[in-house]
Amino acid sequence: MAAVETTRPAPFGAITTYRAINSLSNVVLAFRAWNDARVTRKSLSKLSDRELDDIGLCRGDIELLGR
């Protein structure tokens, strides 16, 4: 039985294009995570100390969320 080489090199610029798209995707994901944490902190800041205590948080814990 003969062995056949089935791998081919990537087309010119394919790896660079992949890395650029992957980097852009990572930036978008980081922005979404930051924005989600920002919205959560803003919502929690509107709660009273009593409401925060009910969910097991204190004012100092709010800034630590999302980090």
PDB file of N, CA and C in Angstrom:
ATOM      1  N   MET A   1       0.859  -1.154   0.000  1.00  0.00           N
ATOM      2  CA  MET A   1       0.000   0.000   0.000  1.00  0.00           C
ATOM      3  C   MET A   1       0.912   1.226   0.000  1.00  0.00           C
ATOM      4  N   ALA A   2       0.597   2.199  -0.814  1.00  0.00           N
ATOM      5  CA  ALA A   2       1.407   3.404  -0.940  1.00  0.00           C
ATOM      6  C   ALA A   2       0.890   4.490  -0.002  1.00  0.00           C
ATOM      7  N   ALA A   3       1.819   5.244   0.557  1.00  0.00           N
ATOM      8  CA  ALA A   3       1.449   6.377   1.414  1.00  0.00           C
ATOM      9  C   ALA A   3       1.287   7.616   0.545  1.00  0.00           C
ATOM     10  N   VAL A   4       0.248   8.368   0.812  1.00  0.00           N
ATOM     11  CA  VAL A   4      -0.029   9.563   0.025  1.00  0.00           C
ATOM     12  C   VAL A   4       0.049  10.774   0.945  1.00  0.00           C
ATOM     13  N   GLU A   5       0.772  11.781   0.506  1.00  0.00           N
ATOM     14  CA  GLU A   5       0.875  13.020   1.264  1.00  0.00           C
ATOM     15  C   GLU A   5      -0.398  13.831   1.034  1.00  0.00           C
ATOM     16  N   THR A   6      -1.137  14.107   2.110  1.00  0.00           N
ATOM     17  CA  THR A   6      -2.416  14.800   1.948  1.00  0.00           C
ATOM     18  C   THR A   6      -2.387  16.227   2.486  1.00  0.00           C
ATOM     19  N   THR A   7      -1.279  16.658   3.053  1.00  0.00           N
ATOM     20  CA  THR A   7      -1.220  18.018   3.590  1.00  0.00           C
ATOM     21  C   THR A   7      -0.750  18.983   2.517  1.00  0.00           C
ATOM     22  N   ARG A   8      -1.299  20.167   2.554  1.00  0.00           N
ATOM     23  CA  ARG A   8      -0.897  21.206   1.611  1.00  0.00           C
ATOM     24  C   ARG A   8      -0.590  22.468   2.407  1.00  0.00           C
ATOM     25  N   PRO A   9       0.302  23.282   1.919  1.00  0.00           N
ATOM     26  CA  PRO A   9       0.562  24.545   2.622  1.00  0.00           C
ATOM     27  C   PRO A   9      -0.639  25.485   2.488  1.00  0.00           C
ATOM     28  N   ALA A  10      -0.791  26.347   3.479  1.00  0.00           N
ATOM     29  CA  ALA A  10      -1.884  27.319   3.440  1.00  0.00           C
ATOM     30  C   ALA A  10      -1.644  28.331   2.335  1.00  0.00           C
ATOM     31  N   PRO A  11      -2.708  28.845   1.738  1.00  0.00           N
ATOM     32  CA  PRO A  11      -2.548  29.868   0.701  1.00  0.00           C
ATOM     33  C   PRO A  11      -1.860  31.116   1.266  1.00  0.00           C
ATOM     34  N   PHE A  12      -1.227  31.873   0.391  1.00  0.00           N
ATOM     35  CA  PHE A  12      -0.495  33.064   0.793  1.00  0.00           C
ATOM     36  C   PHE A  12      -1.414  34.032   1.542  1.00  0.00           C
ATOM     37  N   GLY A  13      -1.014  34.416   2.733  1.00  0.00           N
ATOM     38  CA  GLY A  13      -1.768  35.379   3.517  1.00  0.00           C
ATOM     39  C   GLY A  13      -2.865  34.788   4.373  1.00  0.00           C
ATOM     40  N   ALA A  14      -3.103  33.496   4.286  1.00  0.00           N
ATOM     41  CA  ALA A  14      -4.202  32.888   5.042  1.00  0.00           C
ATOM     42  C   ALA A  14      -3.936  32.941   6.544  1.00  0.00           C
ATOM     43  N   ILE A  15      -2.713  32.687   6.939  1.00  0.00           N
ATOM     44  CA  ILE A  15      -2.386  32.681   8.364  1.00  0.00           C
ATOM     45  C   ILE A  15      -2.477  34.098   8.924  1.00  0.00           C
ATOM     46  N   THR A  16      -1.995  35.070   8.184  1.00  0.00           N
ATOM     47  CA  THR A  16      -2.074  36.461   8.627  1.00  0.00           C
ATOM     48  C   THR A  16      -3.526  36.901   8.744  1.00  0.00           C
ATOM     49  N   THR A  17      -4.342  36.529   7.783  1.00  0.00           N
ATOM     50  CA  THR A  17      -5.767  36.871   7.823  1.00  0.00           C
ATOM     51  C   THR A  17      -6.440  36.215   9.020  1.00  0.00           C
ATOM     52  N   TYR A  18      -6.125  34.961   9.267  1.00  0.00           N
ATOM     53  CA  TYR A  18      -6.688  34.246  10.426  1.00  0.00           C
ATOM     54  C   TYR A  18      -6.305  34.945  11.722  1.00  0.00           C
ATOM     55  N   ARG A  19      -5.044  35.302  11.864  1.00  0.00           N
ATOM     56  CA  ARG A  19      -4.588  35.965  13.088  1.00  0.00           C
ATOM     57  C   ARG A  19      -5.250  37.326  13.269  1.00  0.00           C
ATOM     58  N   ALA A  20      -5.440  38.070  12.192  1.00  0.00           N
ATOM     59  CA  ALA A  20      -6.088  39.380  12.273  1.00  0.00           C
ATOM     60  C   ALA A  20      -7.543  39.232  12.713  1.00  0.00           C
ATOM     61  N   ILE A  21      -8.249  38.294  12.122  1.00  0.00           N
ATOM     62  CA  ILE A  21      -9.649  38.070  12.483  1.00  0.00           C
ATOM     63  C   ILE A  21      -9.753  37.555  13.918  1.00  0.00           C
ATOM     64  N   ASN A  22      -8.848  36.675  14.307  1.00  0.00           N
ATOM     65  CA  ASN A  22      -8.841  36.148  15.665  1.00  0.00           C
ATOM     66  C   ASN A  22      -8.563  37.262  16.677  1.00  0.00           C
ATOM     67  N   SER A  23      -7.652  38.154  16.365  1.00  0.00           N
ATOM     68  CA  SER A  23      -7.357  39.282  17.260  1.00  0.00           C
ATOM     69  C   SER A  23      -8.558  40.204  17.389  1.00  0.00           C
ATOM     70  N   LEU A  24      -9.204  40.506  16.284  1.00  0.00           N
ATOM     71  CA  LEU A  24     -10.392  41.347  16.306  1.00  0.00           C
ATOM     72  C   LEU A  24     -11.505  40.682  17.121  1.00  0.00           C
ATOM     73  N   SER A  25     -11.648  39.396  16.967  1.00  0.00           N
ATOM     74  CA  SER A  25     -12.647  38.656  17.730  1.00  0.00           C
ATOM     75  C   SER A  25     -12.346  38.732  19.227  1.00  0.00           C
ATOM     76  N   ASN A  26     -11.078  38.618  19.591  1.00  0.00           N
ATOM     77  CA  ASN A  26     -10.693  38.714  21.007  1.00  0.00           C
ATOM     78  C   ASN A  26     -10.981  40.101  21.570  1.00  0.00           C
ATOM     79  N   VAL A  27     -10.774  41.140  20.778  1.00  0.00           N
ATOM     80  CA  VAL A  27     -11.070  42.499  21.218  1.00  0.00           C
ATOM     81  C   VAL A  27     -12.574  42.656  21.456  1.00  0.00           C
ATOM     82  N   VAL A  28     -13.370  42.145  20.548  1.00  0.00           N
ATOM     83  CA  VAL A  28     -14.830  42.232  20.690  1.00  0.00           C
ATOM     84  C   VAL A  28     -15.288  41.468  21.928  1.00  0.00           C
ATOM     85  N   LEU A  29     -14.745  40.287  22.160  1.00  0.00           N
ATOM     86  CA  LEU A  29     -15.122  39.501  23.345  1.00  0.00           C
ATOM     87  C   LEU A  29     -14.716  40.212  24.634  1.00  0.00           C
ATOM     88  N   ALA A  30     -13.550  40.827  24.639  1.00  0.00           N
ATOM     89  CA  ALA A  30     -13.101  41.564  25.825  1.00  0.00           C
ATOM     90  C   ALA A  30     -14.004  42.769  26.083  1.00  0.00           C
ATOM     91  N   PHE A  31     -14.397  43.468  25.020  1.00  0.00           N
ATOM     92  CA  PHE A  31     -15.295  44.612  25.171  1.00  0.00           C
ATOM     93  C   PHE A  31     -16.646  44.177  25.713  1.00  0.00           C
ATOM     94  N   ARG A  32     -17.169  43.067  25.212  1.00  0.00           N
ATOM     95  CA  ARG A  32     -18.463  42.566  25.698  1.00  0.00           C
ATOM     96  C   ARG A  32     -18.389  42.193  27.170  1.00  0.00           C
ATOM     97  N   ALA A  33     -17.309  41.542  27.578  1.00  0.00           N
ATOM     98  CA  ALA A  33     -17.151  41.163  28.988  1.00  0.00           C
ATOM     99  C   ALA A  33     -17.055  42.401  29.865  1.00  0.00           C
ATOM    100  N   TRP A  34     -16.287  43.398  29.421  1.00  0.00           N
ATOM    101  CA  TRP A  34     -16.168  44.647  30.182  1.00  0.00           C
ATOM    102  C   TRP A  34     -17.527  45.333  30.310  1.00  0.00           C
ATOM    103  N   ASN A  35     -18.271  45.388  29.217  1.00  0.00           N
ATOM    104  CA  ASN A  35     -19.574  46.059  29.236  1.00  0.00           C
ATOM    105  C   ASN A  35     -20.568  45.305  30.126  1.00  0.00           C
ATOM    106  N   ASP A  36     -20.560  43.989  30.072  1.00  0.00           N
ATOM    107  CA  ASP A  36     -21.449  43.200  30.946  1.00  0.00           C
ATOM    108  C   ASP A  36     -21.135  43.467  32.414  1.00  0.00           C
ATOM    109  N   ALA A  37     -19.855  43.512  32.755  1.00  0.00           N
ATOM    110  CA  ALA A  37     -19.461  43.790  34.137  1.00  0.00           C
ATOM    111  C   ALA A  37     -19.861  45.205  34.531  1.00  0.00           C
ATOM    112  N   ARG A  38     -19.734  46.154  33.620  1.00  0.00           N
ATOM    113  CA  ARG A  38     -20.106  47.540  33.894  1.00  0.00           C
ATOM    114  C   ARG A  38     -21.604  47.648  34.173  1.00  0.00           C
ATOM    115  N   VAL A  39     -22.419  46.999  33.351  1.00  0.00           N
ATOM    116  CA  VAL A  39     -23.870  47.035  33.528  1.00  0.00           C
ATOM    117  C   VAL A  39     -24.257  46.373  34.851  1.00  0.00           C
ATOM    118  N   THR A  40     -23.608  45.267  35.172  1.00  0.00           N
ATOM    119  CA  THR A  40     -23.892  44.577  36.430  1.00  0.00           C
ATOM    120  C   THR A  40     -23.538  45.456  37.620  1.00  0.00           C
ATOM    121  N   ARG A  41     -22.354  46.080  37.589  1.00  0.00           N
ATOM    122  CA  ARG A  41     -21.959  46.964  38.691  1.00  0.00           C
ATOM    123  C   ARG A  41     -22.918  48.137  38.831  1.00  0.00           C
ATOM    124  N   LYS A  42     -23.358  48.685  37.704  1.00  0.00           N
ATOM    125  CA  LYS A  42     -24.295  49.809  37.744  1.00  0.00           C
ATOM    126  C   LYS A  42     -25.624  49.389  38.364  1.00  0.00           C
ATOM    127  N   SER A  43     -26.118  48.218  37.990  1.00  0.00           N
ATOM    128  CA  SER A  43     -27.381  47.722  38.546  1.00  0.00           C
ATOM    129  C   SER A  43     -27.261  47.445  40.032  1.00  0.00           C
ATOM    130  N   LEU A  44     -26.154  46.837  40.441  1.00  0.00           N
ATOM    131  CA  LEU A  44     -25.968  46.534  41.853  1.00  0.00           C
ATOM    132  C   LEU A  44     -25.794  47.801  42.678  1.00  0.00           C
ATOM    133  N   SER A  45     -25.216  48.829  42.094  1.00  0.00           N
ATOM    134  CA  SER A  45     -25.027  50.088  42.815  1.00  0.00           C
ATOM    135  C   SER A  45     -26.353  50.759  43.145  1.00  0.00           C
ATOM    136  N   LYS A  46     -27.375  50.457  42.376  1.00  0.00           N
ATOM    137  CA  LYS A  46     -28.690  51.053  42.606  1.00  0.00           C
ATOM    138  C   LYS A  46     -29.449  50.383  43.757  1.00  0.00           C
ATOM    139  N   LEU A  47     -28.984  49.191  44.174  1.00  0.00           N
ATOM    140  CA  LEU A  47     -29.662  48.473  45.243  1.00  0.00           C
ATOM    141  C   LEU A  47     -29.322  49.083  46.599  1.00  0.00           C
ATOM    142  N   SER A  48     -30.241  48.917  47.537  1.00  0.00           N
ATOM    143  CA  SER A  48     -29.999  49.391  48.901  1.00  0.00           C
ATOM    144  C   SER A  48     -29.052  48.413  49.609  1.00  0.00           C
ATOM    145  N   ASP A  49     -28.513  48.852  50.746  1.00  0.00           N
ATOM    146  CA  ASP A  49     -27.636  47.982  51.528  1.00  0.00           C
ATOM    147  C   ASP A  49     -28.387  46.725  51.987  1.00  0.00           C
ATOM    148  N   ARG A  50     -29.647  46.874  52.310  1.00  0.00           N
ATOM    149  CA  ARG A  50     -30.475  45.740  52.733  1.00  0.00           C
ATOM    150  C   ARG A  50     -30.623  44.726  51.590  1.00  0.00           C
ATOM    151  N   GLU A  51     -30.887  45.214  50.386  1.00  0.00           N
ATOM    152  CA  GLU A  51     -31.039  44.324  49.228  1.00  0.00           C
ATOM    153  C   GLU A  51     -29.716  43.632  48.893  1.00  0.00           C
ATOM    154  N   LEU A  52     -28.624  44.352  49.009  1.00  0.00           N
ATOM    155  CA  LEU A  52     -27.318  43.741  48.774  1.00  0.00           C
ATOM    156  C   LEU A  52     -27.040  42.655  49.808  1.00  0.00           C
ATOM    157  N   ASP A  53     -27.401  42.923  51.046  1.00  0.00           N
ATOM    158  CA  ASP A  53     -27.202  41.941  52.105  1.00  0.00           C
ATOM    159  C   ASP A  53     -28.031  40.681  51.837  1.00  0.00           C
ATOM    160  N   ASP A  54     -29.210  40.842  51.277  1.00  0.00           N
ATOM    161  CA  ASP A  54     -30.066  39.691  50.951  1.00  0.00           C
ATOM    162  C   ASP A  54     -29.403  38.761  49.935  1.00  0.00           C
ATOM    163  N   ILE A  55     -28.608  39.306  49.027  1.00  0.00           N
ATOM    164  CA  ILE A  55     -27.942  38.463  48.022  1.00  0.00           C
ATOM    165  C   ILE A  55     -26.493  38.154  48.408  1.00  0.00           C
ATOM    166  N   GLY A  56     -26.124  38.535  49.629  1.00  0.00           N
ATOM    167  CA  GLY A  56     -24.814  38.158  50.142  1.00  0.00           C
ATOM    168  C   GLY A  56     -23.672  39.053  49.707  1.00  0.00           C
ATOM    169  N   LEU A  57     -23.958  40.302  49.398  1.00  0.00           N
ATOM    170  CA  LEU A  57     -22.922  41.247  48.977  1.00  0.00           C
ATOM    171  C   LEU A  57     -22.919  42.467  49.871  1.00  0.00           C
ATOM    172  N   CYS A  58     -21.836  43.205  49.846  1.00  0.00           N
ATOM    173  CA  CYS A  58     -21.779  44.511  50.492  1.00  0.00           C
ATOM    174  C   CYS A  58     -21.278  45.509  49.445  1.00  0.00           C
ATOM    175  N   ARG A  59     -21.337  46.781  49.759  1.00  0.00           N
ATOM    176  CA  ARG A  59     -20.952  47.821  48.793  1.00  0.00           C
ATOM    177  C   ARG A  59     -19.524  47.611  48.256  1.00  0.00           C
ATOM    178  N   GLY A  60     -18.632  47.176  49.121  1.00  0.00           N
ATOM    179  CA  GLY A  60     -17.247  46.971  48.717  1.00  0.00           C
ATOM    180  C   GLY A  60     -17.068  45.856  47.707  1.00  0.00           C
ATOM    181  N   ASP A  61     -17.994  44.911  47.678  1.00  0.00           N
ATOM    182  CA  ASP A  61     -17.901  43.789  46.748  1.00  0.00           C
ATOM    183  C   ASP A  61     -18.244  44.166  45.317  1.00  0.00           C
ATOM    184  N   ILE A  62     -18.992  45.245  45.149  1.00  0.00           N
ATOM    185  CA  ILE A  62     -19.471  45.614  43.813  1.00  0.00           C
ATOM    186  C   ILE A  62     -18.314  45.916  42.870  1.00  0.00           C
ATOM    187  N   GLU A  63     -17.328  46.666  43.328  1.00  0.00           N
ATOM    188  CA  GLU A  63     -16.204  47.020  42.463  1.00  0.00           C
ATOM    189  C   GLU A  63     -15.324  45.837  42.114  1.00  0.00           C
ATOM    190  N   LEU A  64     -15.387  44.777  42.914  1.00  0.00           N
ATOM    191  CA  LEU A  64     -14.555  43.598  42.640  1.00  0.00           C
ATOM    192  C   LEU A  64     -15.161  42.689  41.583  1.00  0.00           C
ATOM    193  N   LEU A  65     -16.424  42.889  41.254  1.00  0.00           N
ATOM    194  CA  LEU A  65     -17.095  42.052  40.264  1.00  0.00           C
ATOM    195  C   LEU A  65     -16.547  42.318  38.870  1.00  0.00           C
ATOM    196  N   GLY A  66     -16.350  41.273  38.116  1.00  0.00           N
ATOM    197  CA  GLY A  66     -15.910  41.410  36.737  1.00  0.00           C
ATOM    198  C   GLY A  66     -14.419  41.627  36.579  1.00  0.00           C
ATOM    199  N   ARG A  67     -13.662  41.418  37.625  1.00  0.00           N
ATOM    200  CA  ARG A  67     -12.202  41.584  37.516  1.00  0.00           C
ATOM    201  C   ARG A  67     -11.513  40.266  37.619  1.00  0.00           C
TER     202      ARG A  67
END
